[in-house]
Amino acid sequence: MTAIQPNVSEPVSDELALVQAAKGGDVSSFEELVRRYDRNVFRIAQHITQNRQAAEDVVQDTLLNAYPTLTHFPGQCKFVTALVSAAVTH
């Protein structure tokens, strides 16, 4: 029988560290998240809208709305998943 492993917290992922810093008001951390994921959100928005301009508008609106709502991001999913979900429901 093996011993029960102690409750060891996993290291904070780079993405989660950026989200936490952005929640604290670090704009450069949010800018890094945008750089990482804006193309992913754009590809999905373009696929849905079939229109480049509309997709760009969706991405812009999604990212503008994401910053003030960061405090509500629970971190239980990847940040890009939350962005894509917001874009799709836009």
Protein backbone atom coordinates (compact mmCIF):
# COMPACT_ATOMS: atom_id res chain seq x y z
CA MET A 1 0.00 0.00 0.00
CA THR A 2 1.35 3.40 -0.95
CA ALA A 3 1.27 6.43 1.26
CA ILE A 4 -1.15 9.21 0.48
CA GLN A 5 0.57 12.04 -1.30
CA PRO A 6 0.63 15.33 0.56
CA ASN A 7 -1.45 18.11 -0.91
CA VAL A 8 1.17 19.84 -3.00
CA SER A 9 0.04 22.84 -4.94
CA GLU A 10 0.95 22.70 -8.61
CA PRO A 11 3.18 25.43 -9.96
CA VAL A 12 1.26 28.34 -11.37
CA SER A 13 1.21 28.21 -15.14
CA ASP A 14 2.64 31.08 -17.13
CA GLU A 15 -0.83 31.91 -18.43
CA LEU A 16 -2.39 31.92 -14.98
CA ALA A 17 0.43 34.11 -13.70
CA LEU A 18 -0.30 36.59 -16.50
CA VAL A 19 -4.03 36.54 -15.71
CA GLN A 20 -3.35 37.11 -12.02
CA ALA A 21 -0.99 39.99 -12.79
CA ALA A 22 -3.54 41.51 -15.19
CA LYS A 23 -6.22 41.19 -12.51
CA GLY A 24 -3.92 43.21 -10.30
CA GLY A 25 -3.77 45.99 -12.88
CA ASP A 26 -0.65 45.01 -14.82
CA VAL A 27 -1.61 46.16 -18.32
CA SER A 28 1.51 44.63 -19.91
CA SER A 29 0.40 41.18 -18.70
CA PHE A 30 -2.98 41.66 -20.36
CA GLU A 31 -1.23 42.85 -23.53
CA GLU A 32 0.79 39.62 -23.52
CA LEU A 33 -2.40 37.57 -23.22
CA VAL A 34 -3.84 39.53 -26.15
CA ARG A 35 -0.69 38.89 -28.22
CA ARG A 36 -0.91 35.19 -27.48
CA TYR A 37 -4.57 34.66 -28.24
CA ASP A 38 -6.00 37.35 -30.51
CA ARG A 39 -5.24 35.32 -33.66
CA ASN A 40 -7.00 32.25 -32.22
CA VAL A 41 -10.10 34.29 -31.44
CA PHE A 42 -9.91 35.95 -34.86
CA ARG A 43 -9.76 32.61 -36.72
CA ILE A 44 -12.84 31.34 -34.93
CA ALA A 45 -14.71 34.63 -35.38
CA GLN A 46 -13.84 34.66 -39.09
CA HIS A 47 -15.01 31.08 -39.46
CA ILE A 48 -18.33 31.96 -37.85
CA THR A 49 -18.93 35.31 -39.54
CA GLN A 50 -17.30 34.53 -42.89
CA ASN A 51 -16.37 38.21 -42.97
CA ARG A 52 -12.98 39.66 -42.10
CA GLN A 53 -14.26 43.05 -40.89
CA ALA A 54 -16.97 41.47 -38.75
CA ALA A 55 -14.41 39.08 -37.27
CA GLU A 56 -12.07 41.96 -36.44
CA ASP A 57 -14.96 43.76 -34.74
CA VAL A 58 -15.81 40.66 -32.71
CA VAL A 59 -12.19 40.29 -31.59
CA GLN A 60 -11.93 43.95 -30.64
CA ASP A 61 -15.19 43.88 -28.68
CA THR A 62 -14.25 40.60 -26.99
CA LEU A 63 -10.86 41.88 -25.88
CA LEU A 64 -12.21 45.25 -24.75
CA ASN A 65 -14.82 43.48 -22.64
CA ALA A 66 -12.35 40.92 -21.31
CA TYR A 67 -10.14 43.37 -19.44
CA PRO A 68 -12.71 44.80 -17.02
CA THR A 69 -14.19 41.35 -16.39
CA LEU A 70 -10.87 39.68 -15.52
CA THR A 71 -11.75 39.78 -11.85
CA HIS A 72 -14.52 37.26 -12.58
CA PHE A 73 -12.25 34.83 -14.45
CA PRO A 74 -12.06 31.77 -12.18
CA GLY A 75 -8.99 30.21 -13.78
CA GLN A 76 -10.64 26.81 -14.07
CA CYS A 77 -10.22 26.86 -17.82
CA LYS A 78 -7.61 28.32 -20.11
CA PHE A 79 -7.93 32.03 -20.67
CA VAL A 80 -8.19 31.50 -24.43
CA THR A 81 -11.20 29.24 -23.83
CA ALA A 82 -12.94 32.05 -21.99
CA LEU A 83 -12.08 34.48 -24.79
CA VAL A 84 -13.38 32.15 -27.49
CA SER A 85 -16.55 31.54 -25.52
CA ALA A 86 -17.08 35.29 -25.19
CA ALA A 87 -16.44 35.79 -28.91
CA VAL A 88 -18.84 33.04 -29.94
CA THR A 89 -21.62 34.41 -27.76
CA HIS A 90 -20.94 37.94 -29.01
